[in-house]
Amino acid sequence: VNPSAPKGGTLVMEPPPPEKNSYD
């Protein structure tokens, strides 16, 4: 890790496998 890593922003990802197209 970088102990001085700044905070902020948005990480946008796909759901991890197994792939799903929704959730309930």
PDBML (XML) file of the C-alpha atoms, coordinates in Angstrom:
<?xml version="1.0" encoding="UTF-8" ?>
<PDBx:datablock datablockName="MODEL"
   xmlns:PDBx="http://pdbml.pdb.org/schema/pdbx-v50.xsd"
   xmlns:xsi="http://www.w3.org/2001/XMLSchema-instance"
   xsi:schemaLocation="http://pdbml.pdb.org/schema/pdbx-v50.xsd pdbx-v50.xsd">
   <PDBx:atom_siteCategory>
      <PDBx:atom_site id="1">
         <PDBx:B_iso_or_equiv>0.00</PDBx:B_iso_or_equiv>
         <PDBx:Cartn_x>0.000</PDBx:Cartn_x>
         <PDBx:Cartn_y>0.000</PDBx:Cartn_y>
         <PDBx:Cartn_z>0.000</PDBx:Cartn_z>
         <PDBx:auth_asym_id>A</PDBx:auth_asym_id>
         <PDBx:auth_atom_id>CA</PDBx:auth_atom_id>
         <PDBx:auth_comp_id>VAL</PDBx:auth_comp_id>
         <PDBx:auth_seq_id>1</PDBx:auth_seq_id>
         <PDBx:group_PDB>ATOM</PDBx:group_PDB>
         <PDBx:label_alt_id xsi:nil="true" />
         <PDBx:label_asym_id>A</PDBx:label_asym_id>
         <PDBx:label_atom_id>CA</PDBx:label_atom_id>
         <PDBx:label_comp_id>VAL</PDBx:label_comp_id>
         <PDBx:label_entity_id>1</PDBx:label_entity_id>
         <PDBx:label_seq_id>1</PDBx:label_seq_id>
         <PDBx:occupancy>1.00</PDBx:occupancy>
         <PDBx:pdbx_PDB_model_num>1</PDBx:pdbx_PDB_model_num>
         <PDBx:type_symbol>C</PDBx:type_symbol>
      </PDBx:atom_site>
      <PDBx:atom_site id="2">
         <PDBx:B_iso_or_equiv>0.00</PDBx:B_iso_or_equiv>
         <PDBx:Cartn_x>0.865</PDBx:Cartn_x>
         <PDBx:Cartn_y>3.678</PDBx:Cartn_y>
         <PDBx:Cartn_z>-0.209</PDBx:Cartn_z>
         <PDBx:auth_asym_id>A</PDBx:auth_asym_id>
         <PDBx:auth_atom_id>CA</PDBx:auth_atom_id>
         <PDBx:auth_comp_id>ASN</PDBx:auth_comp_id>
         <PDBx:auth_seq_id>2</PDBx:auth_seq_id>
         <PDBx:group_PDB>ATOM</PDBx:group_PDB>
         <PDBx:label_alt_id xsi:nil="true" />
         <PDBx:label_asym_id>A</PDBx:label_asym_id>
         <PDBx:label_atom_id>CA</PDBx:label_atom_id>
         <PDBx:label_comp_id>ASN</PDBx:label_comp_id>
         <PDBx:label_entity_id>1</PDBx:label_entity_id>
         <PDBx:label_seq_id>2</PDBx:label_seq_id>
         <PDBx:occupancy>1.00</PDBx:occupancy>
         <PDBx:pdbx_PDB_model_num>1</PDBx:pdbx_PDB_model_num>
         <PDBx:type_symbol>C</PDBx:type_symbol>
      </PDBx:atom_site>
      <PDBx:atom_site id="3">
         <PDBx:B_iso_or_equiv>0.00</PDBx:B_iso_or_equiv>
         <PDBx:Cartn_x>0.286</PDBx:Cartn_x>
         <PDBx:Cartn_y>4.946</PDBx:Cartn_y>
         <PDBx:Cartn_z>3.339</PDBx:Cartn_z>
         <PDBx:auth_asym_id>A</PDBx:auth_asym_id>
         <PDBx:auth_atom_id>CA</PDBx:auth_atom_id>
         <PDBx:auth_comp_id>PRO</PDBx:auth_comp_id>
         <PDBx:auth_seq_id>3</PDBx:auth_seq_id>
         <PDBx:group_PDB>ATOM</PDBx:group_PDB>
         <PDBx:label_alt_id xsi:nil="true" />
         <PDBx:label_asym_id>A</PDBx:label_asym_id>
         <PDBx:label_atom_id>CA</PDBx:label_atom_id>
         <PDBx:label_comp_id>PRO</PDBx:label_comp_id>
         <PDBx:label_entity_id>1</PDBx:label_entity_id>
         <PDBx:label_seq_id>3</PDBx:label_seq_id>
         <PDBx:occupancy>1.00</PDBx:occupancy>
         <PDBx:pdbx_PDB_model_num>1</PDBx:pdbx_PDB_model_num>
         <PDBx:type_symbol>C</PDBx:type_symbol>
      </PDBx:atom_site>
      <PDBx:atom_site id="4">
         <PDBx:B_iso_or_equiv>0.00</PDBx:B_iso_or_equiv>
         <PDBx:Cartn_x>-0.075</PDBx:Cartn_x>
         <PDBx:Cartn_y>8.490</PDBx:Cartn_y>
         <PDBx:Cartn_z>1.984</PDBx:Cartn_z>
         <PDBx:auth_asym_id>A</PDBx:auth_asym_id>
         <PDBx:auth_atom_id>CA</PDBx:auth_atom_id>
         <PDBx:auth_comp_id>SER</PDBx:auth_comp_id>
         <PDBx:auth_seq_id>4</PDBx:auth_seq_id>
         <PDBx:group_PDB>ATOM</PDBx:group_PDB>
         <PDBx:label_alt_id xsi:nil="true" />
         <PDBx:label_asym_id>A</PDBx:label_asym_id>
         <PDBx:label_atom_id>CA</PDBx:label_atom_id>
         <PDBx:label_comp_id>SER</PDBx:label_comp_id>
         <PDBx:label_entity_id>1</PDBx:label_entity_id>
         <PDBx:label_seq_id>4</PDBx:label_seq_id>
         <PDBx:occupancy>1.00</PDBx:occupancy>
         <PDBx:pdbx_PDB_model_num>1</PDBx:pdbx_PDB_model_num>
         <PDBx:type_symbol>C</PDBx:type_symbol>
      </PDBx:atom_site>
      <PDBx:atom_site id="5">
         <PDBx:B_iso_or_equiv>0.00</PDBx:B_iso_or_equiv>
         <PDBx:Cartn_x>-2.622</PDBx:Cartn_x>
         <PDBx:Cartn_y>7.610</PDBx:Cartn_y>
         <PDBx:Cartn_z>-0.701</PDBx:Cartn_z>
         <PDBx:auth_asym_id>A</PDBx:auth_asym_id>
         <PDBx:auth_atom_id>CA</PDBx:auth_atom_id>
         <PDBx:auth_comp_id>ALA</PDBx:auth_comp_id>
         <PDBx:auth_seq_id>5</PDBx:auth_seq_id>
         <PDBx:group_PDB>ATOM</PDBx:group_PDB>
         <PDBx:label_alt_id xsi:nil="true" />
         <PDBx:label_asym_id>A</PDBx:label_asym_id>
         <PDBx:label_atom_id>CA</PDBx:label_atom_id>
         <PDBx:label_comp_id>ALA</PDBx:label_comp_id>
         <PDBx:label_entity_id>1</PDBx:label_entity_id>
         <PDBx:label_seq_id>5</PDBx:label_seq_id>
         <PDBx:occupancy>1.00</PDBx:occupancy>
         <PDBx:pdbx_PDB_model_num>1</PDBx:pdbx_PDB_model_num>
         <PDBx:type_symbol>C</PDBx:type_symbol>
      </PDBx:atom_site>
      <PDBx:atom_site id="6">
         <PDBx:B_iso_or_equiv>0.00</PDBx:B_iso_or_equiv>
         <PDBx:Cartn_x>-5.181</PDBx:Cartn_x>
         <PDBx:Cartn_y>10.400</PDBx:Cartn_y>
         <PDBx:Cartn_z>-1.107</PDBx:Cartn_z>
         <PDBx:auth_asym_id>A</PDBx:auth_asym_id>
         <PDBx:auth_atom_id>CA</PDBx:auth_atom_id>
         <PDBx:auth_comp_id>PRO</PDBx:auth_comp_id>
         <PDBx:auth_seq_id>6</PDBx:auth_seq_id>
         <PDBx:group_PDB>ATOM</PDBx:group_PDB>
         <PDBx:label_alt_id xsi:nil="true" />
         <PDBx:label_asym_id>A</PDBx:label_asym_id>
         <PDBx:label_atom_id>CA</PDBx:label_atom_id>
         <PDBx:label_comp_id>PRO</PDBx:label_comp_id>
         <PDBx:label_entity_id>1</PDBx:label_entity_id>
         <PDBx:label_seq_id>6</PDBx:label_seq_id>
         <PDBx:occupancy>1.00</PDBx:occupancy>
         <PDBx:pdbx_PDB_model_num>1</PDBx:pdbx_PDB_model_num>
         <PDBx:type_symbol>C</PDBx:type_symbol>
      </PDBx:atom_site>
      <PDBx:atom_site id="7">
         <PDBx:B_iso_or_equiv>0.00</PDBx:B_iso_or_equiv>
         <PDBx:Cartn_x>-8.925</PDBx:Cartn_x>
         <PDBx:Cartn_y>9.827</PDBx:Cartn_y>
         <PDBx:Cartn_z>-0.693</PDBx:Cartn_z>
         <PDBx:auth_asym_id>A</PDBx:auth_asym_id>
         <PDBx:auth_atom_id>CA</PDBx:auth_atom_id>
         <PDBx:auth_comp_id>LYS</PDBx:auth_comp_id>
         <PDBx:auth_seq_id>7</PDBx:auth_seq_id>
         <PDBx:group_PDB>ATOM</PDBx:group_PDB>
         <PDBx:label_alt_id xsi:nil="true" />
         <PDBx:label_asym_id>A</PDBx:label_asym_id>
         <PDBx:label_atom_id>CA</PDBx:label_atom_id>
         <PDBx:label_comp_id>LYS</PDBx:label_comp_id>
         <PDBx:label_entity_id>1</PDBx:label_entity_id>
         <PDBx:label_seq_id>7</PDBx:label_seq_id>
         <PDBx:occupancy>1.00</PDBx:occupancy>
         <PDBx:pdbx_PDB_model_num>1</PDBx:pdbx_PDB_model_num>
         <PDBx:type_symbol>C</PDBx:type_symbol>
      </PDBx:atom_site>
      <PDBx:atom_site id="8">
         <PDBx:B_iso_or_equiv>0.00</PDBx:B_iso_or_equiv>
         <PDBx:Cartn_x>-11.543</PDBx:Cartn_x>
         <PDBx:Cartn_y>10.731</PDBx:Cartn_y>
         <PDBx:Cartn_z>-3.278</PDBx:Cartn_z>
         <PDBx:auth_asym_id>A</PDBx:auth_asym_id>
         <PDBx:auth_atom_id>CA</PDBx:auth_atom_id>
         <PDBx:auth_comp_id>GLY</PDBx:auth_comp_id>
         <PDBx:auth_seq_id>8</PDBx:auth_seq_id>
         <PDBx:group_PDB>ATOM</PDBx:group_PDB>
         <PDBx:label_alt_id xsi:nil="true" />
         <PDBx:label_asym_id>A</PDBx:label_asym_id>
         <PDBx:label_atom_id>CA</PDBx:label_atom_id>
         <PDBx:label_comp_id>GLY</PDBx:label_comp_id>
         <PDBx:label_entity_id>1</PDBx:label_entity_id>
         <PDBx:label_seq_id>8</PDBx:label_seq_id>
         <PDBx:occupancy>1.00</PDBx:occupancy>
         <PDBx:pdbx_PDB_model_num>1</PDBx:pdbx_PDB_model_num>
         <PDBx:type_symbol>C</PDBx:type_symbol>
      </PDBx:atom_site>
      <PDBx:atom_site id="9">
         <PDBx:B_iso_or_equiv>0.00</PDBx:B_iso_or_equiv>
         <PDBx:Cartn_x>-13.031</PDBx:Cartn_x>
         <PDBx:Cartn_y>9.851</PDBx:Cartn_y>
         <PDBx:Cartn_z>-6.645</PDBx:Cartn_z>
         <PDBx:auth_asym_id>A</PDBx:auth_asym_id>
         <PDBx:auth_atom_id>CA</PDBx:auth_atom_id>
         <PDBx:auth_comp_id>GLY</PDBx:auth_comp_id>
         <PDBx:auth_seq_id>9</PDBx:auth_seq_id>
         <PDBx:group_PDB>ATOM</PDBx:group_PDB>
         <PDBx:label_alt_id xsi:nil="true" />
         <PDBx:label_asym_id>A</PDBx:label_asym_id>
         <PDBx:label_atom_id>CA</PDBx:label_atom_id>
         <PDBx:label_comp_id>GLY</PDBx:label_comp_id>
         <PDBx:label_entity_id>1</PDBx:label_entity_id>
         <PDBx:label_seq_id>9</PDBx:label_seq_id>
         <PDBx:occupancy>1.00</PDBx:occupancy>
         <PDBx:pdbx_PDB_model_num>1</PDBx:pdbx_PDB_model_num>
         <PDBx:type_symbol>C</PDBx:type_symbol>
      </PDBx:atom_site>
      <PDBx:atom_site id="10">
         <PDBx:B_iso_or_equiv>0.00</PDBx:B_iso_or_equiv>
         <PDBx:Cartn_x>-15.204</PDBx:Cartn_x>
         <PDBx:Cartn_y>6.993</PDBx:Cartn_y>
         <PDBx:Cartn_z>-7.834</PDBx:Cartn_z>
         <PDBx:auth_asym_id>A</PDBx:auth_asym_id>
         <PDBx:auth_atom_id>CA</PDBx:auth_atom_id>
         <PDBx:auth_comp_id>THR</PDBx:auth_comp_id>
         <PDBx:auth_seq_id>10</PDBx:auth_seq_id>
         <PDBx:group_PDB>ATOM</PDBx:group_PDB>
         <PDBx:label_alt_id xsi:nil="true" />
         <PDBx:label_asym_id>A</PDBx:label_asym_id>
         <PDBx:label_atom_id>CA</PDBx:label_atom_id>
         <PDBx:label_comp_id>THR</PDBx:label_comp_id>
         <PDBx:label_entity_id>1</PDBx:label_entity_id>
         <PDBx:label_seq_id>10</PDBx:label_seq_id>
         <PDBx:occupancy>1.00</PDBx:occupancy>
         <PDBx:pdbx_PDB_model_num>1</PDBx:pdbx_PDB_model_num>
         <PDBx:type_symbol>C</PDBx:type_symbol>
      </PDBx:atom_site>
      <PDBx:atom_site id="11">
         <PDBx:B_iso_or_equiv>0.00</PDBx:B_iso_or_equiv>
         <PDBx:Cartn_x>-14.169</PDBx:Cartn_x>
         <PDBx:Cartn_y>3.491</PDBx:Cartn_y>
         <PDBx:Cartn_z>-8.861</PDBx:Cartn_z>
         <PDBx:auth_asym_id>A</PDBx:auth_asym_id>
         <PDBx:auth_atom_id>CA</PDBx:auth_atom_id>
         <PDBx:auth_comp_id>LEU</PDBx:auth_comp_id>
         <PDBx:auth_seq_id>11</PDBx:auth_seq_id>
         <PDBx:group_PDB>ATOM</PDBx:group_PDB>
         <PDBx:label_alt_id xsi:nil="true" />
         <PDBx:label_asym_id>A</PDBx:label_asym_id>
         <PDBx:label_atom_id>CA</PDBx:label_atom_id>
         <PDBx:label_comp_id>LEU</PDBx:label_comp_id>
         <PDBx:label_entity_id>1</PDBx:label_entity_id>
         <PDBx:label_seq_id>11</PDBx:label_seq_id>
         <PDBx:occupancy>1.00</PDBx:occupancy>
         <PDBx:pdbx_PDB_model_num>1</PDBx:pdbx_PDB_model_num>
         <PDBx:type_symbol>C</PDBx:type_symbol>
      </PDBx:atom_site>
      <PDBx:atom_site id="12">
         <PDBx:B_iso_or_equiv>0.00</PDBx:B_iso_or_equiv>
         <PDBx:Cartn_x>-16.666</PDBx:Cartn_x>
         <PDBx:Cartn_y>1.947</PDBx:Cartn_y>
         <PDBx:Cartn_z>-11.276</PDBx:Cartn_z>
         <PDBx:auth_asym_id>A</PDBx:auth_asym_id>
         <PDBx:auth_atom_id>CA</PDBx:auth_atom_id>
         <PDBx:auth_comp_id>VAL</PDBx:auth_comp_id>
         <PDBx:auth_seq_id>12</PDBx:auth_seq_id>
         <PDBx:group_PDB>ATOM</PDBx:group_PDB>
         <PDBx:label_alt_id xsi:nil="true" />
         <PDBx:label_asym_id>A</PDBx:label_asym_id>
         <PDBx:label_atom_id>CA</PDBx:label_atom_id>
         <PDBx:label_comp_id>VAL</PDBx:label_comp_id>
         <PDBx:label_entity_id>1</PDBx:label_entity_id>
         <PDBx:label_seq_id>12</PDBx:label_seq_id>
         <PDBx:occupancy>1.00</PDBx:occupancy>
         <PDBx:pdbx_PDB_model_num>1</PDBx:pdbx_PDB_model_num>
         <PDBx:type_symbol>C</PDBx:type_symbol>
      </PDBx:atom_site>
      <PDBx:atom_site id="13">
         <PDBx:B_iso_or_equiv>0.00</PDBx:B_iso_or_equiv>
         <PDBx:Cartn_x>-16.456</PDBx:Cartn_x>
         <PDBx:Cartn_y>-1.767</PDBx:Cartn_y>
         <PDBx:Cartn_z>-11.965</PDBx:Cartn_z>
         <PDBx:auth_asym_id>A</PDBx:auth_asym_id>
         <PDBx:auth_atom_id>CA</PDBx:auth_atom_id>
         <PDBx:auth_comp_id>MET</PDBx:auth_comp_id>
         <PDBx:auth_seq_id>13</PDBx:auth_seq_id>
         <PDBx:group_PDB>ATOM</PDBx:group_PDB>
         <PDBx:label_alt_id xsi:nil="true" />
         <PDBx:label_asym_id>A</PDBx:label_asym_id>
         <PDBx:label_atom_id>CA</PDBx:label_atom_id>
         <PDBx:label_comp_id>MET</PDBx:label_comp_id>
         <PDBx:label_entity_id>1</PDBx:label_entity_id>
         <PDBx:label_seq_id>13</PDBx:label_seq_id>
         <PDBx:occupancy>1.00</PDBx:occupancy>
         <PDBx:pdbx_PDB_model_num>1</PDBx:pdbx_PDB_model_num>
         <PDBx:type_symbol>C</PDBx:type_symbol>
      </PDBx:atom_site>
      <PDBx:atom_site id="14">
         <PDBx:B_iso_or_equiv>0.00</PDBx:B_iso_or_equiv>
         <PDBx:Cartn_x>-18.428</PDBx:Cartn_x>
         <PDBx:Cartn_y>-4.685</PDBx:Cartn_y>
         <PDBx:Cartn_z>-13.307</PDBx:Cartn_z>
         <PDBx:auth_asym_id>A</PDBx:auth_asym_id>
         <PDBx:auth_atom_id>CA</PDBx:auth_atom_id>
         <PDBx:auth_comp_id>GLU</PDBx:auth_comp_id>
         <PDBx:auth_seq_id>14</PDBx:auth_seq_id>
         <PDBx:group_PDB>ATOM</PDBx:group_PDB>
         <PDBx:label_alt_id xsi:nil="true" />
         <PDBx:label_asym_id>A</PDBx:label_asym_id>
         <PDBx:label_atom_id>CA</PDBx:label_atom_id>
         <PDBx:label_comp_id>GLU</PDBx:label_comp_id>
         <PDBx:label_entity_id>1</PDBx:label_entity_id>
         <PDBx:label_seq_id>14</PDBx:label_seq_id>
         <PDBx:occupancy>1.00</PDBx:occupancy>
         <PDBx:pdbx_PDB_model_num>1</PDBx:pdbx_PDB_model_num>
         <PDBx:type_symbol>C</PDBx:type_symbol>
      </PDBx:atom_site>
      <PDBx:atom_site id="15">
         <PDBx:B_iso_or_equiv>0.00</PDBx:B_iso_or_equiv>
         <PDBx:Cartn_x>-19.715</PDBx:Cartn_x>
         <PDBx:Cartn_y>-7.197</PDBx:Cartn_y>
         <PDBx:Cartn_z>-10.754</PDBx:Cartn_z>
         <PDBx:auth_asym_id>A</PDBx:auth_asym_id>
         <PDBx:auth_atom_id>CA</PDBx:auth_atom_id>
         <PDBx:auth_comp_id>PRO</PDBx:auth_comp_id>
         <PDBx:auth_seq_id>15</PDBx:auth_seq_id>
         <PDBx:group_PDB>ATOM</PDBx:group_PDB>
         <PDBx:label_alt_id xsi:nil="true" />
         <PDBx:label_asym_id>A</PDBx:label_asym_id>
         <PDBx:label_atom_id>CA</PDBx:label_atom_id>
         <PDBx:label_comp_id>PRO</PDBx:label_comp_id>
         <PDBx:label_entity_id>1</PDBx:label_entity_id>
         <PDBx:label_seq_id>15</PDBx:label_seq_id>
         <PDBx:occupancy>1.00</PDBx:occupancy>
         <PDBx:pdbx_PDB_model_num>1</PDBx:pdbx_PDB_model_num>
         <PDBx:type_symbol>C</PDBx:type_symbol>
      </PDBx:atom_site>
      <PDBx:atom_site id="16">
         <PDBx:B_iso_or_equiv>0.00</PDBx:B_iso_or_equiv>
         <PDBx:Cartn_x>-17.068</PDBx:Cartn_x>
         <PDBx:Cartn_y>-9.872</PDBx:Cartn_y>
         <PDBx:Cartn_z>-10.181</PDBx:Cartn_z>
         <PDBx:auth_asym_id>A</PDBx:auth_asym_id>
         <PDBx:auth_atom_id>CA</PDBx:auth_atom_id>
         <PDBx:auth_comp_id>PRO</PDBx:auth_comp_id>
         <PDBx:auth_seq_id>16</PDBx:auth_seq_id>
         <PDBx:group_PDB>ATOM</PDBx:group_PDB>
         <PDBx:label_alt_id xsi:nil="true" />
         <PDBx:label_asym_id>A</PDBx:label_asym_id>
         <PDBx:label_atom_id>CA</PDBx:label_atom_id>
         <PDBx:label_comp_id>PRO</PDBx:label_comp_id>
         <PDBx:label_entity_id>1</PDBx:label_entity_id>
         <PDBx:label_seq_id>16</PDBx:label_seq_id>
         <PDBx:occupancy>1.00</PDBx:occupancy>
         <PDBx:pdbx_PDB_model_num>1</PDBx:pdbx_PDB_model_num>
         <PDBx:type_symbol>C</PDBx:type_symbol>
      </PDBx:atom_site>
      <PDBx:atom_site id="17">
         <PDBx:B_iso_or_equiv>0.00</PDBx:B_iso_or_equiv>
         <PDBx:Cartn_x>-17.680</PDBx:Cartn_x>
         <PDBx:Cartn_y>-13.302</PDBx:Cartn_y>
         <PDBx:Cartn_z>-11.747</PDBx:Cartn_z>
         <PDBx:auth_asym_id>A</PDBx:auth_asym_id>
         <PDBx:auth_atom_id>CA</PDBx:auth_atom_id>
         <PDBx:auth_comp_id>PRO</PDBx:auth_comp_id>
         <PDBx:auth_seq_id>17</PDBx:auth_seq_id>
         <PDBx:group_PDB>ATOM</PDBx:group_PDB>
         <PDBx:label_alt_id xsi:nil="true" />
         <PDBx:label_asym_id>A</PDBx:label_asym_id>
         <PDBx:label_atom_id>CA</PDBx:label_atom_id>
         <PDBx:label_comp_id>PRO</PDBx:label_comp_id>
         <PDBx:label_entity_id>1</PDBx:label_entity_id>
         <PDBx:label_seq_id>17</PDBx:label_seq_id>
         <PDBx:occupancy>1.00</PDBx:occupancy>
         <PDBx:pdbx_PDB_model_num>1</PDBx:pdbx_PDB_model_num>
         <PDBx:type_symbol>C</PDBx:type_symbol>
      </PDBx:atom_site>
      <PDBx:atom_site id="18">
         <PDBx:B_iso_or_equiv>0.00</PDBx:B_iso_or_equiv>
         <PDBx:Cartn_x>-19.963</PDBx:Cartn_x>
         <PDBx:Cartn_y>-15.135</PDBx:Cartn_y>
         <PDBx:Cartn_z>-12.029</PDBx:Cartn_z>
         <PDBx:auth_asym_id>A</PDBx:auth_asym_id>
         <PDBx:auth_atom_id>CA</PDBx:auth_atom_id>
         <PDBx:auth_comp_id>PRO</PDBx:auth_comp_id>
         <PDBx:auth_seq_id>18</PDBx:auth_seq_id>
         <PDBx:group_PDB>ATOM</PDBx:group_PDB>
         <PDBx:label_alt_id xsi:nil="true" />
         <PDBx:label_asym_id>A</PDBx:label_asym_id>
         <PDBx:label_atom_id>CA</PDBx:label_atom_id>
         <PDBx:label_comp_id>PRO</PDBx:label_comp_id>
         <PDBx:label_entity_id>1</PDBx:label_entity_id>
         <PDBx:label_seq_id>18</PDBx:label_seq_id>
         <PDBx:occupancy>1.00</PDBx:occupancy>
         <PDBx:pdbx_PDB_model_num>1</PDBx:pdbx_PDB_model_num>
         <PDBx:type_symbol>C</PDBx:type_symbol>
      </PDBx:atom_site>
      <PDBx:atom_site id="19">
         <PDBx:B_iso_or_equiv>0.00</PDBx:B_iso_or_equiv>
         <PDBx:Cartn_x>-21.508</PDBx:Cartn_x>
         <PDBx:Cartn_y>-12.390</PDBx:Cartn_y>
         <PDBx:Cartn_z>-14.147</PDBx:Cartn_z>
         <PDBx:auth_asym_id>A</PDBx:auth_asym_id>
         <PDBx:auth_atom_id>CA</PDBx:auth_atom_id>
         <PDBx:auth_comp_id>GLU</PDBx:auth_comp_id>
         <PDBx:auth_seq_id>19</PDBx:auth_seq_id>
         <PDBx:group_PDB>ATOM</PDBx:group_PDB>
         <PDBx:label_alt_id xsi:nil="true" />
         <PDBx:label_asym_id>A</PDBx:label_asym_id>
         <PDBx:label_atom_id>CA</PDBx:label_atom_id>
         <PDBx:label_comp_id>GLU</PDBx:label_comp_id>
         <PDBx:label_entity_id>1</PDBx:label_entity_id>
         <PDBx:label_seq_id>19</PDBx:label_seq_id>
         <PDBx:occupancy>1.00</PDBx:occupancy>
         <PDBx:pdbx_PDB_model_num>1</PDBx:pdbx_PDB_model_num>
         <PDBx:type_symbol>C</PDBx:type_symbol>
      </PDBx:atom_site>
      <PDBx:atom_site id="20">
         <PDBx:B_iso_or_equiv>0.00</PDBx:B_iso_or_equiv>
         <PDBx:Cartn_x>-25.035</PDBx:Cartn_x>
         <PDBx:Cartn_y>-11.321</PDBx:Cartn_y>
         <PDBx:Cartn_z>-13.208</PDBx:Cartn_z>
         <PDBx:auth_asym_id>A</PDBx:auth_asym_id>
         <PDBx:auth_atom_id>CA</PDBx:auth_atom_id>
         <PDBx:auth_comp_id>LYS</PDBx:auth_comp_id>
         <PDBx:auth_seq_id>20</PDBx:auth_seq_id>
         <PDBx:group_PDB>ATOM</PDBx:group_PDB>
         <PDBx:label_alt_id xsi:nil="true" />
         <PDBx:label_asym_id>A</PDBx:label_asym_id>
         <PDBx:label_atom_id>CA</PDBx:label_atom_id>
         <PDBx:label_comp_id>LYS</PDBx:label_comp_id>
         <PDBx:label_entity_id>1</PDBx:label_entity_id>
         <PDBx:label_seq_id>20</PDBx:label_seq_id>
         <PDBx:occupancy>1.00</PDBx:occupancy>
         <PDBx:pdbx_PDB_model_num>1</PDBx:pdbx_PDB_model_num>
         <PDBx:type_symbol>C</PDBx:type_symbol>
      </PDBx:atom_site>
      <PDBx:atom_site id="21">
         <PDBx:B_iso_or_equiv>0.00</PDBx:B_iso_or_equiv>
         <PDBx:Cartn_x>-27.382</PDBx:Cartn_x>
         <PDBx:Cartn_y>-8.853</PDBx:Cartn_y>
         <PDBx:Cartn_z>-14.845</PDBx:Cartn_z>
         <PDBx:auth_asym_id>A</PDBx:auth_asym_id>
         <PDBx:auth_atom_id>CA</PDBx:auth_atom_id>
         <PDBx:auth_comp_id>ASN</PDBx:auth_comp_id>
         <PDBx:auth_seq_id>21</PDBx:auth_seq_id>
         <PDBx:group_PDB>ATOM</PDBx:group_PDB>
         <PDBx:label_alt_id xsi:nil="true" />
         <PDBx:label_asym_id>A</PDBx:label_asym_id>
         <PDBx:label_atom_id>CA</PDBx:label_atom_id>
         <PDBx:label_comp_id>ASN</PDBx:label_comp_id>
         <PDBx:label_entity_id>1</PDBx:label_entity_id>
         <PDBx:label_seq_id>21</PDBx:label_seq_id>
         <PDBx:occupancy>1.00</PDBx:occupancy>
         <PDBx:pdbx_PDB_model_num>1</PDBx:pdbx_PDB_model_num>
         <PDBx:type_symbol>C</PDBx:type_symbol>
      </PDBx:atom_site>
      <PDBx:atom_site id="22">
         <PDBx:B_iso_or_equiv>0.00</PDBx:B_iso_or_equiv>
         <PDBx:Cartn_x>-29.283</PDBx:Cartn_x>
         <PDBx:Cartn_y>-7.937</PDBx:Cartn_y>
         <PDBx:Cartn_z>-11.697</PDBx:Cartn_z>
         <PDBx:auth_asym_id>A</PDBx:auth_asym_id>
         <PDBx:auth_atom_id>CA</PDBx:auth_atom_id>
         <PDBx:auth_comp_id>SER</PDBx:auth_comp_id>
         <PDBx:auth_seq_id>22</PDBx:auth_seq_id>
         <PDBx:group_PDB>ATOM</PDBx:group_PDB>
         <PDBx:label_alt_id xsi:nil="true" />
         <PDBx:label_asym_id>A</PDBx:label_asym_id>
         <PDBx:label_atom_id>CA</PDBx:label_atom_id>
         <PDBx:label_comp_id>SER</PDBx:label_comp_id>
         <PDBx:label_entity_id>1</PDBx:label_entity_id>
         <PDBx:label_seq_id>22</PDBx:label_seq_id>
         <PDBx:occupancy>1.00</PDBx:occupancy>
         <PDBx:pdbx_PDB_model_num>1</PDBx:pdbx_PDB_model_num>
         <PDBx:type_symbol>C</PDBx:type_symbol>
      </PDBx:atom_site>
      <PDBx:atom_site id="23">
         <PDBx:B_iso_or_equiv>0.00</PDBx:B_iso_or_equiv>
         <PDBx:Cartn_x>-29.814</PDBx:Cartn_x>
         <PDBx:Cartn_y>-8.622</PDBx:Cartn_y>
         <PDBx:Cartn_z>-7.994</PDBx:Cartn_z>
         <PDBx:auth_asym_id>A</PDBx:auth_asym_id>
         <PDBx:auth_atom_id>CA</PDBx:auth_atom_id>
         <PDBx:auth_comp_id>TYR</PDBx:auth_comp_id>
         <PDBx:auth_seq_id>23</PDBx:auth_seq_id>
         <PDBx:group_PDB>ATOM</PDBx:group_PDB>
         <PDBx:label_alt_id xsi:nil="true" />
         <PDBx:label_asym_id>A</PDBx:label_asym_id>
         <PDBx:label_atom_id>CA</PDBx:label_atom_id>
         <PDBx:label_comp_id>TYR</PDBx:label_comp_id>
         <PDBx:label_entity_id>1</PDBx:label_entity_id>
         <PDBx:label_seq_id>23</PDBx:label_seq_id>
         <PDBx:occupancy>1.00</PDBx:occupancy>
         <PDBx:pdbx_PDB_model_num>1</PDBx:pdbx_PDB_model_num>
         <PDBx:type_symbol>C</PDBx:type_symbol>
      </PDBx:atom_site>
      <PDBx:atom_site id="24">
         <PDBx:B_iso_or_equiv>0.00</PDBx:B_iso_or_equiv>
         <PDBx:Cartn_x>-32.735</PDBx:Cartn_x>
         <PDBx:Cartn_y>-8.821</PDBx:Cartn_y>
         <PDBx:Cartn_z>-5.586</PDBx:Cartn_z>
         <PDBx:auth_asym_id>A</PDBx:auth_asym_id>
         <PDBx:auth_atom_id>CA</PDBx:auth_atom_id>
         <PDBx:auth_comp_id>ASP</PDBx:auth_comp_id>
         <PDBx:auth_seq_id>24</PDBx:auth_seq_id>
         <PDBx:group_PDB>ATOM</PDBx:group_PDB>
         <PDBx:label_alt_id xsi:nil="true" />
         <PDBx:label_asym_id>A</PDBx:label_asym_id>
         <PDBx:label_atom_id>CA</PDBx:label_atom_id>
         <PDBx:label_comp_id>ASP</PDBx:label_comp_id>
         <PDBx:label_entity_id>1</PDBx:label_entity_id>
         <PDBx:label_seq_id>24</PDBx:label_seq_id>
         <PDBx:occupancy>1.00</PDBx:occupancy>
         <PDBx:pdbx_PDB_model_num>1</PDBx:pdbx_PDB_model_num>
         <PDBx:type_symbol>C</PDBx:type_symbol>
      </PDBx:atom_site>
   </PDBx:atom_siteCategory>
</PDBx:datablock>
